Amino acid sequence: QVQLVESGGGLVQAGGSLRLSCAASGRTFSSNGMGWFRQAPGKEREFVAAISWNGGSTYYADSVKGRFTISRDNAKNTVYLQMNSLKPEDTAVYYCEARIGHYDGSYYARHYDYWGQGTQVTVSS
């Protein structure tokens, strides 16, 4: 069992920044790929970013490439999403997801086994 708790969401103006955190507990964190997904009202959950077990490989959706950075601190069992140059279209609930038994991250939600309760990010224009 893995528990994931996201934090760091909030309301920010367009062009601003936020850093999301995802604290993991339960099964071994350091050997699992992790990902961030988001879901806006009336839309399907979409991939944002993913990271391998040691941070050596990262993956981004085209819509956030160059603006968002995913990272992890295995000593703290935490994965981060630094979001810069935020746009109104980034408004969504952001979910942290864990991929058990796989060292790498994935673009596909079906490849993940656990997710948190989400944190709301609202970007005003």
Protein backbone atom coordinates (compact mmCIF):
# COMPACT_ATOMS: atom_id res chain seq x y z
CA GLN A 1 0.00 0.00 0.00
CA VAL A 2 1.20 3.50 -0.84
CA GLN A 3 -0.20 6.75 0.48
CA LEU A 4 0.37 9.93 -1.51
CA VAL A 5 -0.42 13.40 -0.21
CA GLU A 6 -0.16 16.41 -2.51
CA SER A 7 0.27 19.97 -1.33
CA GLY A 8 1.28 23.37 -2.64
CA GLY A 9 -1.67 24.21 -4.84
CA GLY A 10 -3.42 27.55 -4.75
CA LEU A 11 -4.49 30.63 -6.65
CA VAL A 12 -1.87 32.46 -8.70
CA GLN A 13 -1.89 35.07 -11.44
CA ALA A 14 -0.87 34.21 -14.96
CA GLY A 15 2.91 34.28 -15.25
CA GLY A 16 3.37 33.25 -11.65
CA SER A 17 4.87 30.13 -10.12
CA LEU A 18 3.89 27.35 -7.75
CA ARG A 19 5.70 24.31 -6.44
CA LEU A 20 3.68 21.20 -5.78
CA SER A 21 4.90 18.51 -3.40
CA CYS A 22 3.85 14.90 -3.07
CA ALA A 23 4.78 13.09 0.12
CA ALA A 24 4.76 9.30 -0.13
CA SER A 25 4.53 6.72 2.62
CA GLY A 26 4.05 3.00 2.78
CA ARG A 27 5.92 0.81 0.33
CA THR A 28 9.40 1.65 -0.84
CA PHE A 29 9.31 4.96 -2.66
CA SER A 30 12.81 5.20 -4.03
CA SER A 31 12.50 2.34 -6.53
CA ASN A 32 9.28 3.50 -8.22
CA GLY A 33 8.55 5.71 -11.17
CA MET A 34 6.36 8.70 -10.31
CA GLY A 35 4.14 11.00 -12.29
CA TRP A 36 1.97 14.10 -12.16
CA PHE A 37 -1.37 14.25 -13.93
CA ARG A 38 -4.06 16.92 -13.97
CA GLN A 39 -7.76 17.11 -14.58
CA ALA A 40 -9.70 20.24 -15.45
CA PRO A 41 -13.50 20.44 -15.06
CA GLY A 42 -15.27 18.55 -17.82
CA LYS A 43 -12.02 17.14 -19.19
CA GLU A 44 -10.21 13.84 -18.93
CA ARG A 45 -7.16 13.40 -16.73
CA GLU A 46 -4.04 14.24 -18.69
CA PHE A 47 -0.36 13.55 -18.31
CA VAL A 48 1.84 16.40 -17.09
CA ALA A 49 5.24 14.97 -16.13
CA ALA A 50 6.97 11.79 -14.98
CA ILE A 51 10.29 10.83 -13.45
CA SER A 52 12.30 7.65 -13.07
CA TRP A 53 13.27 6.12 -9.74
CA ASN A 54 16.56 8.03 -9.46
CA GLY A 55 15.55 11.17 -11.30
CA GLY A 56 17.78 10.27 -14.22
CA SER A 57 14.94 10.36 -16.74
CA THR A 58 12.15 12.90 -16.93
CA TYR A 59 9.21 13.24 -19.30
CA TYR A 60 6.89 16.15 -20.01
CA ALA A 61 3.73 16.90 -21.89
CA ASP A 62 4.35 19.28 -24.77
CA SER A 63 2.02 21.81 -23.15
CA VAL A 64 4.28 22.22 -20.10
CA LYS A 65 7.73 21.55 -21.54
CA GLY A 66 10.10 24.36 -20.69
CA ARG A 67 7.81 25.71 -17.95
CA PHE A 68 7.45 22.82 -15.50
CA THR A 69 10.16 20.76 -13.82
CA ILE A 70 9.65 17.45 -12.05
CA SER A 71 12.14 16.31 -9.44
CA ARG A 72 12.36 13.98 -6.47
CA ASP A 73 14.15 13.63 -3.16
CA ASN A 74 14.22 9.95 -2.21
CA ALA A 75 15.64 10.73 1.22
CA LYS A 76 12.44 12.67 1.94
CA ASN A 77 10.10 10.34 0.00
CA THR A 78 8.88 13.36 -1.90
CA VAL A 79 8.37 14.28 -5.54
CA TYR A 80 8.00 17.89 -6.68
CA LEU A 81 6.53 19.77 -9.59
CA GLN A 82 7.92 23.26 -10.08
CA MET A 83 5.53 25.23 -12.26
CA ASN A 84 6.66 28.51 -13.80
CA SER A 85 5.08 30.90 -16.29
CA LEU A 86 1.66 29.57 -15.37
CA LYS A 87 -1.22 30.07 -17.76
CA PRO A 88 -5.00 30.03 -17.17
CA GLU A 89 -5.17 26.76 -19.12
CA ASP A 90 -3.00 25.16 -16.41
CA THR A 91 -5.96 25.43 -14.04
CA ALA A 92 -6.83 21.93 -12.83
CA VAL A 93 -6.63 19.50 -9.96
CA TYR A 94 -3.13 18.04 -9.95
CA TYR A 95 -2.58 14.43 -8.92
CA CYS A 96 0.59 12.65 -7.91
CA GLU A 97 0.77 9.02 -9.03
CA ALA A 98 3.05 6.10 -8.18
CA ARG A 99 4.03 3.27 -10.46
CA ILE A 100 4.80 0.27 -8.30
CA GLY A 101 7.34 -2.25 -9.49
CA HIS A 102 8.61 -0.08 -12.32
CA TYR A 103 11.72 2.06 -12.19
CA ASP A 104 10.63 4.44 -14.91
CA GLY A 105 7.76 6.87 -15.22
CA SER A 106 5.09 6.63 -17.90
CA TYR A 107 2.91 8.90 -20.00
CA TYR A 108 -0.15 6.72 -19.39
CA ALA A 109 -2.42 6.90 -16.36
CA ARG A 110 -3.26 3.19 -16.67
CA HIS A 111 0.38 2.37 -15.85
CA TYR A 112 0.11 3.86 -12.38
CA ASP A 113 -1.14 2.05 -9.31
CA TYR A 114 -1.72 4.71 -6.66
CA TRP A 115 -2.65 8.37 -6.64
CA GLY A 116 -3.33 11.04 -4.08
CA GLN A 117 -6.37 13.16 -3.37
CA GLY A 118 -5.18 15.97 -5.59
CA THR A 119 -4.40 19.64 -5.08
CA GLN A 120 -6.21 22.48 -6.83
CA VAL A 121 -4.23 24.90 -8.98
CA THR A 122 -6.07 27.97 -10.23
CA VAL A 123 -4.41 30.46 -12.56
CA SER A 124 -6.20 33.77 -13.06
CA SER A 125 -5.78 35.86 -16.18
